[in-house]
């Protein structure tokens, strides 16, 4: 499986992260308490945390030929967040997304998830899933708009920015994709 390093939508470019992006990740969203509240990763405290995220991203791309993307606007190239895949196996990947708060409510998260789903359809039969904190209504709405269904069993997830090391019963959304064959 090889996913593209860059994906374009009508308003956005999703591109593979590079070490040069660490500062913008740190400054724009990874340190913001409101943005990181419902994330399953700890808020970045230093630039080294953002560099570690980039290293994690590189490891994902090396192992799975897919991973996190930086989200930037097509008009102006402004970095507004990140999204992407965290593969668990060849047939299952978690998707995630985070946007700087000034870009909330503009449909960018939905646009990103639609793009990720479209790209995932090209590789193989796969199940995409996204664990969501039970209070994150906006994210649940995004996933529903993109065709994800709620798994009634849920999943236990650690949300370190609001619950510390305690696991919370999170909602788990999933989408099973059949392989799309080019004709």
N, C-alpha and C. Protein backbone atom coordinates (compact mmCIF):
# COMPACT_ATOMS: atom_id res chain seq x y z
N UNK A 1 0.84 -1.16 0.00
CA UNK A 1 0.00 0.00 0.00
C UNK A 1 0.89 1.23 0.00
N UNK A 2 0.64 2.13 -0.88
CA UNK A 2 1.35 3.40 -0.94
C UNK A 2 0.34 4.52 -1.12
N UNK A 3 0.20 5.33 -0.10
CA UNK A 3 -0.71 6.47 -0.21
C UNK A 3 0.09 7.69 -0.66
N UNK A 4 -0.57 8.61 -1.33
CA UNK A 4 0.17 9.77 -1.85
C UNK A 4 0.70 10.66 -0.73
N UNK A 5 1.84 11.28 -0.98
CA UNK A 5 2.43 12.21 -0.01
C UNK A 5 1.65 13.51 0.05
N UNK A 6 0.84 13.78 -0.98
CA UNK A 6 0.07 15.02 -1.03
C UNK A 6 -1.31 14.73 -1.62
N UNK A 7 -2.33 15.34 -1.02
CA UNK A 7 -3.71 15.19 -1.48
C UNK A 7 -4.30 16.60 -1.56
N UNK A 8 -5.01 16.89 -2.64
CA UNK A 8 -5.67 18.19 -2.74
C UNK A 8 -7.17 18.02 -2.77
N UNK A 9 -7.84 18.91 -2.05
CA UNK A 9 -9.30 18.99 -2.07
C UNK A 9 -9.63 20.35 -2.71
N UNK A 10 -10.88 20.73 -2.66
CA UNK A 10 -11.24 22.01 -3.28
C UNK A 10 -10.60 23.21 -2.57
N UNK A 11 -10.34 23.08 -1.26
CA UNK A 11 -9.78 24.22 -0.51
C UNK A 11 -8.47 23.92 0.19
N UNK A 12 -8.08 22.65 0.25
CA UNK A 12 -6.96 22.26 1.11
C UNK A 12 -5.94 21.40 0.38
N UNK A 13 -4.74 21.43 0.93
CA UNK A 13 -3.68 20.49 0.54
C UNK A 13 -3.29 19.74 1.82
N UNK A 14 -3.36 18.44 1.74
CA UNK A 14 -2.84 17.59 2.81
C UNK A 14 -1.51 17.07 2.30
N UNK A 15 -0.45 17.28 3.08
CA UNK A 15 0.87 16.82 2.61
C UNK A 15 1.63 16.19 3.76
N UNK A 16 2.51 15.29 3.39
CA UNK A 16 3.32 14.62 4.39
C UNK A 16 4.09 15.66 5.20
N UNK A 17 4.09 15.48 6.51
CA UNK A 17 4.82 16.39 7.40
C UNK A 17 6.32 16.24 7.21
N UNK A 18 7.05 17.32 7.48
CA UNK A 18 8.51 17.27 7.48
C UNK A 18 9.00 17.93 8.76
N UNK A 19 10.25 17.74 9.07
CA UNK A 19 10.84 18.33 10.27
C UNK A 19 10.69 19.85 10.28
N UNK A 20 10.69 20.45 9.11
CA UNK A 20 10.54 21.91 9.00
C UNK A 20 9.17 22.39 9.49
N UNK A 21 8.20 21.48 9.65
CA UNK A 21 6.86 21.84 10.10
C UNK A 21 6.72 21.86 11.63
N UNK A 22 7.73 21.44 12.35
CA UNK A 22 7.62 21.30 13.81
C UNK A 22 7.22 22.62 14.48
N UNK A 23 7.79 23.72 14.08
CA UNK A 23 7.50 25.00 14.73
C UNK A 23 6.03 25.41 14.54
N UNK A 24 5.52 25.24 13.32
CA UNK A 24 4.13 25.63 13.07
C UNK A 24 3.17 24.70 13.82
N UNK A 25 3.47 23.42 13.89
CA UNK A 25 2.66 22.47 14.67
C UNK A 25 2.62 22.93 16.13
N UNK A 26 3.79 23.25 16.65
CA UNK A 26 3.90 23.70 18.05
C UNK A 26 3.14 24.99 18.28
N UNK A 27 3.36 25.97 17.42
CA UNK A 27 2.78 27.31 17.62
C UNK A 27 1.28 27.38 17.35
N UNK A 28 0.78 26.66 16.33
CA UNK A 28 -0.60 26.87 15.88
C UNK A 28 -1.64 26.04 16.62
N UNK A 29 -1.32 24.77 16.98
CA UNK A 29 -2.38 23.95 17.59
C UNK A 29 -1.93 22.98 18.66
N UNK A 30 -0.73 22.47 18.63
CA UNK A 30 -0.34 21.40 19.55
C UNK A 30 -0.16 21.85 21.00
N UNK A 31 -0.07 23.17 21.23
CA UNK A 31 0.07 23.70 22.59
C UNK A 31 -1.21 24.34 23.11
N UNK A 32 -2.22 24.44 22.29
CA UNK A 32 -3.45 25.14 22.65
C UNK A 32 -4.34 24.22 23.51
N UNK A 33 -4.64 24.62 24.76
CA UNK A 33 -5.46 23.77 25.64
C UNK A 33 -6.85 23.48 25.08
N UNK A 34 -7.45 24.43 24.39
CA UNK A 34 -8.78 24.19 23.81
C UNK A 34 -8.72 23.19 22.67
N UNK A 35 -7.72 23.32 21.83
CA UNK A 35 -7.57 22.44 20.68
C UNK A 35 -7.23 21.01 21.12
N UNK A 36 -6.37 20.87 22.10
CA UNK A 36 -5.88 19.56 22.49
C UNK A 36 -6.73 18.87 23.56
N UNK A 37 -7.74 19.54 24.02
CA UNK A 37 -8.58 19.02 25.10
C UNK A 37 -8.99 17.56 24.88
N UNK A 38 -9.55 17.24 23.74
CA UNK A 38 -10.08 15.90 23.48
C UNK A 38 -9.12 15.00 22.70
N UNK A 39 -7.86 15.38 22.59
CA UNK A 39 -6.90 14.57 21.86
C UNK A 39 -6.41 13.40 22.72
N UNK A 40 -6.06 12.31 22.08
CA UNK A 40 -5.55 11.14 22.81
C UNK A 40 -4.03 11.21 22.96
N UNK A 41 -3.44 12.32 22.58
CA UNK A 41 -2.01 12.55 22.77
C UNK A 41 -1.82 13.77 23.68
N UNK A 42 -0.75 13.78 24.45
CA UNK A 42 -0.54 14.91 25.37
C UNK A 42 -0.21 16.21 24.65
N UNK A 43 -0.71 17.30 25.20
CA UNK A 43 -0.41 18.63 24.69
C UNK A 43 1.11 18.80 24.63
N UNK A 44 1.60 19.43 23.59
CA UNK A 44 3.05 19.65 23.45
C UNK A 44 3.48 20.75 24.41
N UNK A 45 4.54 20.47 25.15
CA UNK A 45 5.09 21.43 26.12
C UNK A 45 6.33 22.14 25.58
N UNK A 46 7.05 21.46 24.71
CA UNK A 46 8.28 22.02 24.13
C UNK A 46 8.31 21.71 22.64
N UNK A 47 9.18 22.40 21.93
CA UNK A 47 9.35 22.13 20.51
C UNK A 47 9.80 20.68 20.29
N UNK A 48 10.53 20.12 21.23
CA UNK A 48 10.95 18.72 21.11
C UNK A 48 9.75 17.77 21.03
N UNK A 49 8.64 18.12 21.69
CA UNK A 49 7.43 17.30 21.58
C UNK A 49 6.91 17.30 20.14
N UNK A 50 6.95 18.46 19.51
CA UNK A 50 6.51 18.54 18.11
C UNK A 50 7.48 17.81 17.19
N UNK A 51 8.76 17.90 17.48
CA UNK A 51 9.76 17.14 16.70
C UNK A 51 9.55 15.64 16.88
N UNK A 52 9.18 15.21 18.07
CA UNK A 52 8.89 13.79 18.31
C UNK A 52 7.67 13.35 17.51
N UNK A 53 6.68 14.22 17.40
CA UNK A 53 5.51 13.90 16.57
C UNK A 53 5.93 13.73 15.11
N UNK A 54 6.81 14.58 14.62
CA UNK A 54 7.29 14.47 13.24
C UNK A 54 8.05 13.15 13.07
N UNK A 55 8.86 12.77 14.07
CA UNK A 55 9.58 11.49 14.01
C UNK A 55 8.59 10.32 13.99
N UNK A 56 7.54 10.40 14.81
CA UNK A 56 6.49 9.38 14.79
C UNK A 56 5.85 9.30 13.40
N UNK A 57 5.57 10.47 12.83
CA UNK A 57 4.98 10.54 11.49
C UNK A 57 5.89 9.85 10.47
N UNK A 58 7.18 10.16 10.52
CA UNK A 58 8.14 9.54 9.59
C UNK A 58 8.16 8.03 9.76
N UNK A 59 8.09 7.55 11.01
CA UNK A 59 8.09 6.10 11.27
C UNK A 59 6.84 5.45 10.68
N UNK A 60 5.69 6.13 10.79
CA UNK A 60 4.46 5.59 10.21
C UNK A 60 4.59 5.49 8.68
N UNK A 61 5.12 6.55 8.07
CA UNK A 61 5.27 6.54 6.61
C UNK A 61 6.27 5.46 6.18
N UNK A 62 7.30 5.24 6.96
CA UNK A 62 8.29 4.22 6.62
C UNK A 62 7.69 2.82 6.75
N UNK A 63 6.97 2.58 7.82
CA UNK A 63 6.42 1.24 8.07
C UNK A 63 5.22 0.94 7.19
N UNK A 64 4.30 1.90 7.03
CA UNK A 64 3.03 1.62 6.36
C UNK A 64 2.87 2.34 5.02
N UNK A 65 3.79 3.16 4.63
CA UNK A 65 3.65 4.01 3.43
C UNK A 65 2.43 4.90 3.51
N UNK A 66 2.10 5.31 4.74
CA UNK A 66 0.98 6.20 5.02
C UNK A 66 1.18 6.73 6.43
N UNK A 67 0.56 7.85 6.73
CA UNK A 67 0.70 8.40 8.07
C UNK A 67 0.05 9.76 8.17
N UNK A 68 0.53 10.59 9.08
CA UNK A 68 -0.03 11.93 9.27
C UNK A 68 0.32 12.89 8.13
N UNK A 69 -0.61 13.82 7.92
CA UNK A 69 -0.46 14.88 6.93
C UNK A 69 -0.58 16.23 7.63
N UNK A 70 0.11 17.23 7.12
CA UNK A 70 -0.12 18.61 7.50
C UNK A 70 -1.28 19.11 6.63
N UNK A 71 -2.17 19.88 7.22
CA UNK A 71 -3.29 20.46 6.47
C UNK A 71 -2.95 21.92 6.23
N UNK A 72 -2.97 22.35 4.97
CA UNK A 72 -2.75 23.75 4.66
C UNK A 72 -3.77 24.22 3.63
N UNK A 73 -4.07 25.49 3.68
CA UNK A 73 -5.02 26.04 2.72
C UNK A 73 -4.37 26.11 1.34
N UNK A 74 -5.17 25.84 0.31
CA UNK A 74 -4.65 25.98 -1.06
C UNK A 74 -4.35 27.43 -1.38
N UNK A 75 -5.24 28.30 -0.92
CA UNK A 75 -5.06 29.73 -1.15
C UNK A 75 -4.20 30.28 -0.01
N UNK A 76 -2.95 30.52 -0.26
CA UNK A 76 -2.06 31.09 0.74
C UNK A 76 -1.15 30.11 1.43
N UNK A 77 -1.48 28.82 1.43
CA UNK A 77 -0.61 27.83 2.04
C UNK A 77 -0.51 27.91 3.56
N UNK A 78 -1.54 28.45 4.22
CA UNK A 78 -1.53 28.56 5.68
C UNK A 78 -1.72 27.20 6.31
N UNK A 79 -0.82 26.82 7.22
CA UNK A 79 -0.95 25.56 7.96
C UNK A 79 -2.04 25.72 8.99
N UNK A 80 -3.05 24.83 8.95
CA UNK A 80 -4.20 24.97 9.84
C UNK A 80 -4.40 23.76 10.75
N UNK A 81 -3.66 22.68 10.55
CA UNK A 81 -3.83 21.50 11.39
C UNK A 81 -3.12 20.30 10.81
N UNK A 82 -3.47 19.15 11.34
CA UNK A 82 -2.94 17.90 10.81
C UNK A 82 -4.02 16.83 10.87
N UNK A 83 -3.83 15.82 10.05
CA UNK A 83 -4.78 14.71 9.99
C UNK A 83 -4.02 13.51 9.45
N UNK A 84 -4.65 12.37 9.44
CA UNK A 84 -3.99 11.24 8.81
C UNK A 84 -4.37 9.90 9.39
N UNK A 85 -3.51 8.93 9.08
CA UNK A 85 -3.74 7.54 9.42
C UNK A 85 -2.74 7.07 10.46
N UNK A 86 -3.21 6.20 11.33
CA UNK A 86 -2.35 5.45 12.25
C UNK A 86 -2.70 3.99 12.06
N UNK A 87 -1.96 3.29 11.21
CA UNK A 87 -2.30 1.90 10.88
C UNK A 87 -2.04 0.98 12.06
N UNK A 88 -2.99 0.08 12.29
CA UNK A 88 -2.87 -0.96 13.30
C UNK A 88 -2.46 -2.27 12.64
N UNK A 89 -2.87 -2.43 11.38
CA UNK A 89 -2.55 -3.60 10.56
C UNK A 89 -2.78 -3.19 9.11
N UNK A 90 -2.55 -4.12 8.18
CA UNK A 90 -2.81 -3.81 6.77
C UNK A 90 -4.29 -3.55 6.50
N UNK A 91 -5.15 -4.02 7.40
CA UNK A 91 -6.59 -3.93 7.17
C UNK A 91 -7.31 -2.98 8.11
N UNK A 92 -6.57 -2.30 8.99
CA UNK A 92 -7.24 -1.44 9.96
C UNK A 92 -6.37 -0.22 10.27
N UNK A 93 -7.00 0.96 10.21
CA UNK A 93 -6.28 2.20 10.50
C UNK A 93 -7.16 3.15 11.28
N UNK A 94 -6.57 3.79 12.27
CA UNK A 94 -7.23 4.87 12.98
C UNK A 94 -7.04 6.14 12.15
N UNK A 95 -8.06 6.97 12.09
CA UNK A 95 -7.87 8.27 11.48
C UNK A 95 -8.03 9.31 12.58
N UNK A 96 -7.34 10.41 12.39
CA UNK A 96 -7.43 11.49 13.35
C UNK A 96 -7.26 12.81 12.64
N UNK A 97 -7.65 13.87 13.32
CA UNK A 97 -7.53 15.21 12.75
C UNK A 97 -7.55 16.21 13.89
N UNK A 98 -6.85 17.30 13.69
CA UNK A 98 -6.83 18.40 14.66
C UNK A 98 -6.64 19.69 13.87
N UNK A 99 -7.44 20.69 14.22
CA UNK A 99 -7.36 21.99 13.54
C UNK A 99 -7.13 23.09 14.56
N UNK A 100 -6.35 24.09 14.19
CA UNK A 100 -6.22 25.29 15.01
C UNK A 100 -7.62 25.87 15.19
N UNK A 101 -7.91 26.37 16.38
CA UNK A 101 -9.28 26.78 16.72
C UNK A 101 -9.86 27.85 15.80
N UNK A 102 -9.04 28.70 15.23
CA UNK A 102 -9.56 29.74 14.35
C UNK A 102 -10.15 29.16 13.05
N UNK A 103 -9.92 27.85 12.81
CA UNK A 103 -10.44 27.20 11.60
C UNK A 103 -11.56 26.22 11.91
N UNK A 104 -12.06 26.23 13.13
CA UNK A 104 -13.20 25.38 13.50
C UNK A 104 -14.47 25.92 12.86
N UNK A 105 -15.39 25.02 12.57
CA UNK A 105 -16.71 25.42 12.09
C UNK A 105 -16.77 25.85 10.64
N UNK A 106 -15.71 25.62 9.89
CA UNK A 106 -15.67 26.04 8.48
C UNK A 106 -15.75 24.86 7.51
N UNK A 107 -15.95 23.65 8.05
CA UNK A 107 -16.05 22.47 7.21
C UNK A 107 -14.73 21.83 6.83
N UNK A 108 -13.62 22.34 7.37
CA UNK A 108 -12.31 21.79 7.00
C UNK A 108 -12.12 20.37 7.52
N UNK A 109 -12.57 20.06 8.72
CA UNK A 109 -12.41 18.70 9.26
C UNK A 109 -13.17 17.70 8.39
N UNK A 110 -14.39 18.04 8.03
CA UNK A 110 -15.18 17.17 7.16
C UNK A 110 -14.49 16.99 5.82
N UNK A 111 -13.96 18.06 5.25
CA UNK A 111 -13.25 17.99 3.98
C UNK A 111 -12.03 17.07 4.07
N UNK A 112 -11.31 17.17 5.18
CA UNK A 112 -10.13 16.31 5.39
C UNK A 112 -10.52 14.84 5.52
N UNK A 113 -11.54 14.56 6.32
CA UNK A 113 -11.96 13.17 6.51
C UNK A 113 -12.46 12.58 5.20
N UNK A 114 -13.24 13.34 4.43
CA UNK A 114 -13.68 12.85 3.11
C UNK A 114 -12.46 12.51 2.25
N UNK A 115 -11.43 13.35 2.27
CA UNK A 115 -10.22 13.09 1.48
C UNK A 115 -9.50 11.84 1.96
N UNK A 116 -9.40 11.66 3.27
CA UNK A 116 -8.74 10.47 3.81
C UNK A 116 -9.50 9.20 3.42
N UNK A 117 -10.82 9.25 3.50
CA UNK A 117 -11.64 8.09 3.13
C UNK A 117 -11.44 7.78 1.65
N UNK A 118 -11.46 8.79 0.80
CA UNK A 118 -11.28 8.58 -0.64
C UNK A 118 -9.94 7.93 -0.94
N UNK A 119 -8.89 8.37 -0.28
CA UNK A 119 -7.57 7.79 -0.50
C UNK A 119 -7.51 6.36 0.03
N UNK A 120 -8.11 6.12 1.19
CA UNK A 120 -8.10 4.77 1.76
C UNK A 120 -8.83 3.78 0.86
N UNK A 121 -9.85 4.24 0.15
CA UNK A 121 -10.59 3.36 -0.75
C UNK A 121 -9.71 2.79 -1.87
N UNK A 122 -8.61 3.46 -2.18
CA UNK A 122 -7.77 3.04 -3.32
C UNK A 122 -6.78 1.94 -2.97
N UNK A 123 -6.62 1.60 -1.68
CA UNK A 123 -5.54 0.68 -1.33
C UNK A 123 -5.95 -0.77 -1.16
N UNK A 124 -6.98 -1.05 -0.44
CA UNK A 124 -7.37 -2.43 -0.15
C UNK A 124 -8.62 -2.40 0.71
N UNK A 125 -9.25 -3.54 0.91
CA UNK A 125 -10.33 -3.54 1.89
C UNK A 125 -9.75 -3.13 3.25
N UNK A 126 -10.37 -2.20 3.88
CA UNK A 126 -9.81 -1.66 5.12
C UNK A 126 -10.94 -1.16 6.01
N UNK A 127 -10.71 -1.21 7.31
CA UNK A 127 -11.64 -0.59 8.25
C UNK A 127 -10.95 0.63 8.84
N UNK A 128 -11.60 1.77 8.73
CA UNK A 128 -11.13 2.98 9.38
C UNK A 128 -11.90 3.13 10.68
N UNK A 129 -11.24 3.62 11.71
CA UNK A 129 -11.93 3.87 12.96
C UNK A 129 -11.39 5.13 13.61
N UNK A 130 -12.21 5.70 14.48
CA UNK A 130 -11.83 6.92 15.19
C UNK A 130 -12.45 6.88 16.58
N UNK A 131 -11.62 6.81 17.62
CA UNK A 131 -12.16 6.93 18.98
C UNK A 131 -12.39 8.41 19.29
N UNK A 132 -13.52 8.71 19.94
CA UNK A 132 -13.90 10.09 20.19
C UNK A 132 -14.35 10.23 21.64
N UNK A 133 -13.85 11.25 22.32
CA UNK A 133 -14.28 11.53 23.69
C UNK A 133 -15.79 11.75 23.68
N UNK A 134 -16.50 11.23 24.70
CA UNK A 134 -17.97 11.33 24.68
C UNK A 134 -18.51 12.76 24.68
N UNK A 135 -17.71 13.74 25.06
CA UNK A 135 -18.17 15.14 25.05
C UNK A 135 -17.82 15.88 23.75
N UNK A 136 -17.11 15.23 22.85
CA UNK A 136 -16.66 15.89 21.62
C UNK A 136 -17.73 15.74 20.53
N UNK A 137 -18.80 16.46 20.70
CA UNK A 137 -19.96 16.39 19.80
C UNK A 137 -19.59 16.82 18.38
N UNK A 138 -18.75 17.83 18.24
CA UNK A 138 -18.38 18.33 16.91
C UNK A 138 -17.67 17.24 16.10
N UNK A 139 -16.76 16.51 16.74
CA UNK A 139 -16.04 15.46 16.04
C UNK A 139 -16.98 14.30 15.66
N UNK A 140 -17.91 13.99 16.54
CA UNK A 140 -18.89 12.94 16.21
C UNK A 140 -19.70 13.34 14.99
N UNK A 141 -20.05 14.61 14.89
CA UNK A 141 -20.81 15.10 13.75
C UNK A 141 -20.00 14.98 12.46
N UNK A 142 -18.73 15.33 12.51
CA UNK A 142 -17.86 15.21 11.34
C UNK A 142 -17.84 13.77 10.84
N UNK A 143 -17.63 12.85 11.75
CA UNK A 143 -17.53 11.44 11.36
C UNK A 143 -18.85 10.92 10.77
N UNK A 144 -19.95 11.31 11.36
CA UNK A 144 -21.26 10.88 10.81
C UNK A 144 -21.46 11.44 9.40
N UNK A 145 -21.10 12.71 9.18
CA UNK A 145 -21.23 13.31 7.84
C UNK A 145 -20.39 12.55 6.81
N UNK A 146 -19.31 11.93 7.27
CA UNK A 146 -18.40 11.22 6.36
C UNK A 146 -18.71 9.73 6.25
N UNK A 147 -19.86 9.32 6.79
CA UNK A 147 -20.30 7.94 6.61
C UNK A 147 -19.89 6.96 7.69
N UNK A 148 -19.26 7.44 8.75
CA UNK A 148 -18.86 6.55 9.84
C UNK A 148 -20.07 6.19 10.69
N UNK A 149 -20.06 4.97 11.22
CA UNK A 149 -21.13 4.51 12.10
C UNK A 149 -20.58 4.36 13.51
N UNK A 150 -21.45 4.50 14.48
CA UNK A 150 -21.08 4.36 15.89
C UNK A 150 -21.07 2.89 16.26
N UNK A 151 -19.96 2.43 16.81
CA UNK A 151 -19.85 1.09 17.37
C UNK A 151 -20.44 1.16 18.78
N UNK A 152 -21.51 0.45 19.03
CA UNK A 152 -22.22 0.56 20.31
C UNK A 152 -21.40 0.06 21.49
N UNK A 153 -20.34 -0.69 21.24
CA UNK A 153 -19.52 -1.20 22.35
C UNK A 153 -18.52 -0.18 22.86
N UNK A 154 -18.16 0.79 22.04
CA UNK A 154 -17.19 1.80 22.46
C UNK A 154 -15.81 1.21 22.65
N UNK A 155 -14.95 1.99 23.29
CA UNK A 155 -13.56 1.58 23.51
C UNK A 155 -13.00 2.42 24.65
N UNK A 156 -12.06 1.87 25.40
CA UNK A 156 -11.41 2.63 26.47
C UNK A 156 -10.21 3.36 25.91
N UNK A 157 -10.15 4.66 26.15
CA UNK A 157 -9.08 5.50 25.61
C UNK A 157 -8.61 6.46 26.70
N UNK A 158 -7.33 6.76 26.68
CA UNK A 158 -6.75 7.75 27.59
C UNK A 158 -6.76 9.11 26.88
N UNK A 159 -7.34 10.10 27.52
CA UNK A 159 -7.34 11.48 27.02
C UNK A 159 -6.52 12.29 28.03
N UNK A 160 -5.20 12.33 27.85
CA UNK A 160 -4.31 12.85 28.90
C UNK A 160 -4.50 14.32 29.25
N UNK A 161 -5.08 15.10 28.34
CA UNK A 161 -5.20 16.54 28.60
C UNK A 161 -6.40 16.90 29.48
N UNK A 162 -7.30 15.94 29.69
CA UNK A 162 -8.43 16.20 30.59
C UNK A 162 -8.60 15.12 31.65
N UNK A 163 -8.05 13.93 31.39
CA UNK A 163 -8.26 12.81 32.32
C UNK A 163 -6.96 12.22 32.86
N UNK A 164 -5.83 12.81 32.54
CA UNK A 164 -4.54 12.27 32.99
C UNK A 164 -4.34 10.86 32.47
N UNK A 165 -3.99 9.95 33.37
CA UNK A 165 -3.73 8.57 32.98
C UNK A 165 -4.98 7.69 33.03
N UNK A 166 -6.11 8.27 33.41
CA UNK A 166 -7.35 7.50 33.52
C UNK A 166 -7.95 7.26 32.14
N UNK A 167 -8.34 6.02 31.88
CA UNK A 167 -9.01 5.72 30.63
C UNK A 167 -10.49 6.05 30.75
N UNK A 168 -11.05 6.51 29.64
CA UNK A 168 -12.46 6.91 29.56
C UNK A 168 -13.13 6.02 28.53
N UNK A 169 -14.37 5.71 28.75
CA UNK A 169 -15.14 4.96 27.75
C UNK A 169 -15.48 5.93 26.62
N UNK A 170 -14.81 5.77 25.51
CA UNK A 170 -14.98 6.66 24.36
C UNK A 170 -15.92 6.05 23.34
N UNK A 171 -16.50 6.90 22.53
CA UNK A 171 -17.28 6.43 21.39
C UNK A 171 -16.29 5.99 20.33
N UNK A 172 -16.59 4.89 19.63
CA UNK A 172 -15.74 4.42 18.55
C UNK A 172 -16.57 4.43 17.28
N UNK A 173 -16.12 5.22 16.32
CA UNK A 173 -16.78 5.29 15.02
C UNK A 173 -15.96 4.47 14.03
N UNK A 174 -16.63 3.81 13.11
CA UNK A 174 -15.91 2.98 12.13
C UNK A 174 -16.55 3.10 10.75
N UNK A 175 -15.75 2.77 9.76
CA UNK A 175 -16.19 2.75 8.37
C UNK A 175 -15.44 1.64 7.67
N UNK A 176 -16.15 0.66 7.15
CA UNK A 176 -15.52 -0.44 6.41
C UNK A 176 -15.53 -0.10 4.93
N UNK A 177 -14.37 -0.18 4.32
CA UNK A 177 -14.24 0.20 2.91
C UNK A 177 -13.89 -1.03 2.08
N UNK A 178 -14.69 -1.33 1.08
CA UNK A 178 -14.29 -2.39 0.15
C UNK A 178 -13.22 -1.85 -0.77
N UNK A 179 -12.47 -2.74 -1.36
CA UNK A 179 -11.45 -2.30 -2.31
C UNK A 179 -12.13 -1.70 -3.54
N UNK A 180 -11.60 -0.60 -3.99
CA UNK A 180 -12.11 0.08 -5.18
C UNK A 180 -11.18 -0.28 -6.34
N UNK A 181 -11.71 -0.94 -7.35
CA UNK A 181 -10.89 -1.38 -8.46
C UNK A 181 -11.00 -0.38 -9.61
N UNK A 182 -9.88 0.07 -10.11
CA UNK A 182 -9.89 1.00 -11.24
C UNK A 182 -10.29 0.25 -12.51
N UNK A 183 -11.12 0.88 -13.32
CA UNK A 183 -11.60 0.24 -14.55
C UNK A 183 -10.94 0.88 -15.75
